[in-house]
Amino acid sequence: MPRFQDVLLTVGQLNYTWTNTESLLIYLIAGLAKVDKETAIIIFLTLNTTRARLDLVERLAKMAKTPQACRDAVLSVADQLTHQGKLRNKYSHCIYSFDETGTRASTQLMRIFDSKDSVRYGKNEELDDNEMHRISASIEAIRDINRQIWKIVEENQFPH
């Protein structure tokens, strides 16, 4: 398969897996805030960034009424999501370039880097085999986080 198709498929899987797993925060919100699923959905959708959603989940988990085992499990998955989110954000907010044969791929990050006396933007990076393996490993890590969240939901009898 040409690199072009491989990149699109892999990045698509990354985004699908991420979105599917991020939506499970609804159940953590419902259980930790002791609200029904519909209320948790409204809260989730009102918070329009992953960071805001994770902040809420972490703060709810840290409340004194949250049992320690639940707190530890929720904070662990939140930390893992934050870590995996960095790679997901990179590939969701870049421009992709391919050579004329579709076998070489690179990304250009759409971020501004300010220093004391200059500004840089558009860092270019090659999407080589090592980077593709890194994305695939992230997909597997996010799938594992998904399973961990479901385990928390079940063990703590959160609404779902």
C-alpha atoms as a PDB file:
ATOM      1  CA  MET A   1       0.000   0.000   0.000  1.00  0.00           C
ATOM      2  CA  PRO A   2       1.459   3.412  -0.906  1.00  0.00           C
ATOM      3  CA  ARG A   3       2.474   5.571   2.057  1.00  0.00           C
ATOM      4  CA  PHE A   4      -0.337   8.012   1.175  1.00  0.00           C
ATOM      5  CA  GLN A   5      -3.043   5.420   1.865  1.00  0.00           C
ATOM      6  CA  ASP A   6      -1.193   3.995   4.867  1.00  0.00           C
ATOM      7  CA  VAL A   7      -0.933   7.441   6.485  1.00  0.00           C
ATOM      8  CA  LEU A   8      -4.582   8.280   5.865  1.00  0.00           C
ATOM      9  CA  LEU A   9      -5.743   4.929   7.226  1.00  0.00           C
ATOM     10  CA  THR A  10      -3.530   5.082  10.308  1.00  0.00           C
ATOM     11  CA  VAL A  11      -4.313   8.709  11.173  1.00  0.00           C
ATOM     12  CA  GLY A  12      -8.001   7.981  10.596  1.00  0.00           C
ATOM     13  CA  GLN A  13      -7.785   5.072  13.042  1.00  0.00           C
ATOM     14  CA  LEU A  14      -6.013   7.316  15.540  1.00  0.00           C
ATOM     15  CA  ASN A  15      -8.764   9.934  15.349  1.00  0.00           C
ATOM     16  CA  TYR A  16     -11.578   7.386  15.464  1.00  0.00           C
ATOM     17  CA  THR A  17     -10.061   5.587  18.449  1.00  0.00           C
ATOM     18  CA  TRP A  18      -9.431   8.873  20.238  1.00  0.00           C
ATOM     19  CA  THR A  19     -12.940  10.252  19.681  1.00  0.00           C
ATOM     20  CA  ASN A  20     -14.565   6.989  20.704  1.00  0.00           C
ATOM     21  CA  THR A  21     -12.501   6.853  23.902  1.00  0.00           C
ATOM     22  CA  GLU A  22     -12.883  10.547  24.759  1.00  0.00           C
ATOM     23  CA  SER A  23     -16.659  10.141  24.597  1.00  0.00           C
ATOM     24  CA  LEU A  24     -16.403   7.625  27.461  1.00  0.00           C
ATOM     25  CA  LEU A  25     -15.600  10.570  29.718  1.00  0.00           C
ATOM     26  CA  ILE A  26     -19.375  11.055  29.699  1.00  0.00           C
ATOM     27  CA  TYR A  27     -19.735   7.974  31.903  1.00  0.00           C
ATOM     28  CA  LEU A  28     -16.994   9.119  34.262  1.00  0.00           C
ATOM     29  CA  ILE A  29     -18.680  12.519  34.557  1.00  0.00           C
ATOM     30  CA  ALA A  30     -22.042  10.855  35.209  1.00  0.00           C
ATOM     31  CA  GLY A  31     -20.687   8.580  37.894  1.00  0.00           C
ATOM     32  CA  LEU A  32     -18.370  11.011  39.626  1.00  0.00           C
ATOM     33  CA  ALA A  33     -20.866  13.900  39.585  1.00  0.00           C
ATOM     34  CA  LYS A  34     -23.729  11.539  40.442  1.00  0.00           C
ATOM     35  CA  VAL A  35     -25.896  12.688  37.542  1.00  0.00           C
ATOM     36  CA  ASP A  36     -27.767  10.786  34.843  1.00  0.00           C
ATOM     37  CA  LYS A  37     -26.224  10.089  31.454  1.00  0.00           C
ATOM     38  CA  GLU A  38     -28.246  12.800  29.685  1.00  0.00           C
ATOM     39  CA  THR A  39     -26.998  15.460  32.101  1.00  0.00           C
ATOM     40  CA  ALA A  40     -23.446  14.171  31.705  1.00  0.00           C
ATOM     41  CA  ILE A  41     -23.763  14.419  27.906  1.00  0.00           C
ATOM     42  CA  ILE A  42     -24.828  18.055  28.185  1.00  0.00           C
ATOM     43  CA  ILE A  43     -21.897  18.794  30.504  1.00  0.00           C
ATOM     44  CA  PHE A  44     -19.489  16.964  28.160  1.00  0.00           C
ATOM     45  CA  LEU A  45     -20.716  18.830  25.087  1.00  0.00           C
ATOM     46  CA  THR A  46     -20.692  22.181  26.862  1.00  0.00           C
ATOM     47  CA  LEU A  47     -16.993  21.749  27.617  1.00  0.00           C
ATOM     48  CA  ASN A  48     -15.611  22.155  24.123  1.00  0.00           C
ATOM     49  CA  THR A  49     -12.033  20.982  24.618  1.00  0.00           C
ATOM     50  CA  THR A  50     -10.509  17.713  25.706  1.00  0.00           C
ATOM     51  CA  ARG A  51      -8.448  19.582  28.297  1.00  0.00           C
ATOM     52  CA  ALA A  52     -11.580  21.074  29.895  1.00  0.00           C
ATOM     53  CA  ARG A  53     -13.276  17.666  29.964  1.00  0.00           C
ATOM     54  CA  LEU A  54     -10.245  16.007  31.511  1.00  0.00           C
ATOM     55  CA  ASP A  55      -9.889  18.827  34.057  1.00  0.00           C
ATOM     56  CA  LEU A  56     -13.489  18.282  35.129  1.00  0.00           C
ATOM     57  CA  VAL A  57     -13.070  14.509  35.414  1.00  0.00           C
ATOM     58  CA  GLU A  58      -9.841  14.918  37.404  1.00  0.00           C
ATOM     59  CA  ARG A  59     -11.395  17.468  39.765  1.00  0.00           C
ATOM     60  CA  LEU A  60     -14.464  15.312  40.339  1.00  0.00           C
ATOM     61  CA  ALA A  61     -12.218  12.320  41.043  1.00  0.00           C
ATOM     62  CA  LYS A  62     -10.226  14.311  43.596  1.00  0.00           C
ATOM     63  CA  MET A  63     -13.304  15.145  45.658  1.00  0.00           C
ATOM     64  CA  ALA A  64     -13.255  13.675  49.168  1.00  0.00           C
ATOM     65  CA  LYS A  65     -16.412  11.629  48.497  1.00  0.00           C
ATOM     66  CA  THR A  66     -14.703   9.660  45.687  1.00  0.00           C
ATOM     67  CA  PRO A  67     -13.404   6.321  46.998  1.00  0.00           C
ATOM     68  CA  GLN A  68      -9.615   6.084  46.831  1.00  0.00           C
ATOM     69  CA  ALA A  69      -9.537   3.122  44.421  1.00  0.00           C
ATOM     70  CA  CYS A  70     -11.890   4.913  42.028  1.00  0.00           C
ATOM     71  CA  ARG A  71      -9.902   8.147  42.351  1.00  0.00           C
ATOM     72  CA  ASP A  72      -6.643   6.374  41.562  1.00  0.00           C
ATOM     73  CA  ALA A  73      -8.099   4.571  38.555  1.00  0.00           C
ATOM     74  CA  VAL A  74      -9.728   7.711  37.112  1.00  0.00           C
ATOM     75  CA  LEU A  75      -6.619   9.854  37.609  1.00  0.00           C
ATOM     76  CA  SER A  76      -4.531   7.150  35.951  1.00  0.00           C
ATOM     77  CA  VAL A  77      -6.701   7.019  32.811  1.00  0.00           C
ATOM     78  CA  ALA A  78      -6.880  10.826  32.706  1.00  0.00           C
ATOM     79  CA  ASP A  79      -3.086  11.001  32.834  1.00  0.00           C
ATOM     80  CA  GLN A  80      -2.793   8.377  30.095  1.00  0.00           C
ATOM     81  CA  LEU A  81      -5.294  10.227  27.894  1.00  0.00           C
ATOM     82  CA  THR A  82      -3.383  13.474  28.374  1.00  0.00           C
ATOM     83  CA  HIS A  83      -0.177  11.739  27.326  1.00  0.00           C
ATOM     84  CA  GLN A  84      -1.724  10.109  24.240  1.00  0.00           C
ATOM     85  CA  GLY A  85      -3.538  13.329  23.357  1.00  0.00           C
ATOM     86  CA  LYS A  86      -0.263  15.045  22.500  1.00  0.00           C
ATOM     87  CA  LEU A  87       0.362  12.740  19.545  1.00  0.00           C
ATOM     88  CA  ARG A  88      -3.285  12.833  18.502  1.00  0.00           C
ATOM     89  CA  ASN A  89      -3.251  16.639  18.543  1.00  0.00           C
ATOM     90  CA  LYS A  90      -0.094  16.704  16.462  1.00  0.00           C
ATOM     91  CA  TYR A  91      -1.704  14.655  13.697  1.00  0.00           C
ATOM     92  CA  SER A  92      -5.045  16.434  13.913  1.00  0.00           C
ATOM     93  CA  HIS A  93      -3.492  19.876  13.498  1.00  0.00           C
ATOM     94  CA  CYS A  94      -0.944  19.545  10.740  1.00  0.00           C
ATOM     95  CA  ILE A  95      -0.700  19.658   6.988  1.00  0.00           C
ATOM     96  CA  TYR A  96       0.306  16.458   5.203  1.00  0.00           C
ATOM     97  CA  SER A  97       2.620  16.375   2.209  1.00  0.00           C
ATOM     98  CA  PHE A  98       3.389  13.453  -0.091  1.00  0.00           C
ATOM     99  CA  ASP A  99       5.847  13.148  -2.930  1.00  0.00           C
ATOM    100  CA  GLU A 100       4.567  12.631  -6.466  1.00  0.00           C
ATOM    101  CA  THR A 101       4.708   8.838  -6.103  1.00  0.00           C
ATOM    102  CA  GLY A 102       2.869   8.791  -2.766  1.00  0.00           C
ATOM    103  CA  THR A 103       5.704   6.871  -1.098  1.00  0.00           C
ATOM    104  CA  ARG A 104       7.240   9.623   1.047  1.00  0.00           C
ATOM    105  CA  ALA A 105       5.166  11.555   3.523  1.00  0.00           C
ATOM    106  CA  SER A 106       5.811  14.463   5.844  1.00  0.00           C
ATOM    107  CA  THR A 107       3.880  16.757   8.116  1.00  0.00           C
ATOM    108  CA  GLN A 108       4.028  20.475   8.686  1.00  0.00           C
ATOM    109  CA  LEU A 109       2.868  21.453  12.152  1.00  0.00           C
ATOM    110  CA  MET A 110       0.480  24.376  12.241  1.00  0.00           C
ATOM    111  CA  ARG A 111       1.842  25.940  15.433  1.00  0.00           C
ATOM    112  CA  ILE A 112       3.706  29.120  16.157  1.00  0.00           C
ATOM    113  CA  PHE A 113       6.834  28.871  18.279  1.00  0.00           C
ATOM    114  CA  ASP A 114       7.762  32.176  19.900  1.00  0.00           C
ATOM    115  CA  SER A 115      11.187  32.808  21.342  1.00  0.00           C
ATOM    116  CA  LYS A 116      12.590  35.940  22.896  1.00  0.00           C
ATOM    117  CA  ASP A 117      13.458  37.573  19.587  1.00  0.00           C
ATOM    118  CA  SER A 118      11.958  35.474  16.804  1.00  0.00           C
ATOM    119  CA  VAL A 119       8.960  33.528  15.677  1.00  0.00           C
ATOM    120  CA  ARG A 120       8.953  30.192  13.880  1.00  0.00           C
ATOM    121  CA  TYR A 121       6.125  28.149  12.466  1.00  0.00           C
ATOM    122  CA  GLY A 122       5.398  25.116  10.381  1.00  0.00           C
ATOM    123  CA  LYS A 123       7.982  22.619  11.644  1.00  0.00           C
ATOM    124  CA  ASN A 124       8.409  19.853   9.036  1.00  0.00           C
ATOM    125  CA  GLU A 125       8.805  16.215  10.041  1.00  0.00           C
ATOM    126  CA  GLU A 126       9.052  13.059   7.984  1.00  0.00           C
ATOM    127  CA  LEU A 127       6.412  10.391   8.498  1.00  0.00           C
ATOM    128  CA  ASP A 128       8.786   7.439   8.333  1.00  0.00           C
ATOM    129  CA  ASP A 129       8.282   3.844   9.457  1.00  0.00           C
ATOM    130  CA  ASN A 130       9.303   4.653  13.036  1.00  0.00           C
ATOM    131  CA  GLU A 131       6.727   7.428  13.274  1.00  0.00           C
ATOM    132  CA  MET A 132       4.041   5.210  11.763  1.00  0.00           C
ATOM    133  CA  HIS A 133       4.839   2.559  14.403  1.00  0.00           C
ATOM    134  CA  ARG A 134       4.599   5.250  17.081  1.00  0.00           C
ATOM    135  CA  ILE A 135       1.103   6.193  15.858  1.00  0.00           C
ATOM    136  CA  SER A 136       0.056   2.526  15.807  1.00  0.00           C
ATOM    137  CA  ALA A 137       1.351   2.088  19.363  1.00  0.00           C
ATOM    138  CA  SER A 138      -0.666   5.139  20.419  1.00  0.00           C
ATOM    139  CA  ILE A 139      -3.810   3.632  18.879  1.00  0.00           C
ATOM    140  CA  GLU A 140      -3.268   0.481  20.941  1.00  0.00           C
ATOM    141  CA  ALA A 141      -2.630   2.535  24.089  1.00  0.00           C
ATOM    142  CA  ILE A 142      -5.879   4.478  23.539  1.00  0.00           C
ATOM    143  CA  ARG A 143      -7.766   1.209  23.034  1.00  0.00           C
ATOM    144  CA  ASP A 144      -6.376   0.020  26.351  1.00  0.00           C
ATOM    145  CA  ILE A 145      -7.495   3.264  28.020  1.00  0.00           C
ATOM    146  CA  ASN A 146     -10.956   2.613  26.557  1.00  0.00           C
ATOM    147  CA  ARG A 147     -11.050  -0.794  28.252  1.00  0.00           C
ATOM    148  CA  GLN A 148      -9.817   0.719  31.522  1.00  0.00           C
ATOM    149  CA  ILE A 149     -12.589   3.328  31.487  1.00  0.00           C
ATOM    150  CA  TRP A 150     -15.236   0.649  30.907  1.00  0.00           C
ATOM    151  CA  LYS A 151     -13.779  -1.298  33.838  1.00  0.00           C
ATOM    152  CA  ILE A 152     -14.058   1.790  36.081  1.00  0.00           C
ATOM    153  CA  VAL A 153     -17.644   2.354  34.944  1.00  0.00           C
ATOM    154  CA  GLU A 154     -18.610  -1.260  35.661  1.00  0.00           C
ATOM    155  CA  GLU A 155     -16.744  -1.589  38.974  1.00  0.00           C
ATOM    156  CA  ASN A 156     -18.211   1.645  40.327  1.00  0.00           C
ATOM    157  CA  GLN A 157     -21.670   1.070  38.855  1.00  0.00           C
ATOM    158  CA  PHE A 158     -21.657   4.403  37.025  1.00  0.00           C
ATOM    159  CA  PRO A 159     -24.656   5.138  34.760  1.00  0.00           C
ATOM    160  CA  HIS A 160     -24.255   3.931  31.179  1.00  0.00           C
END
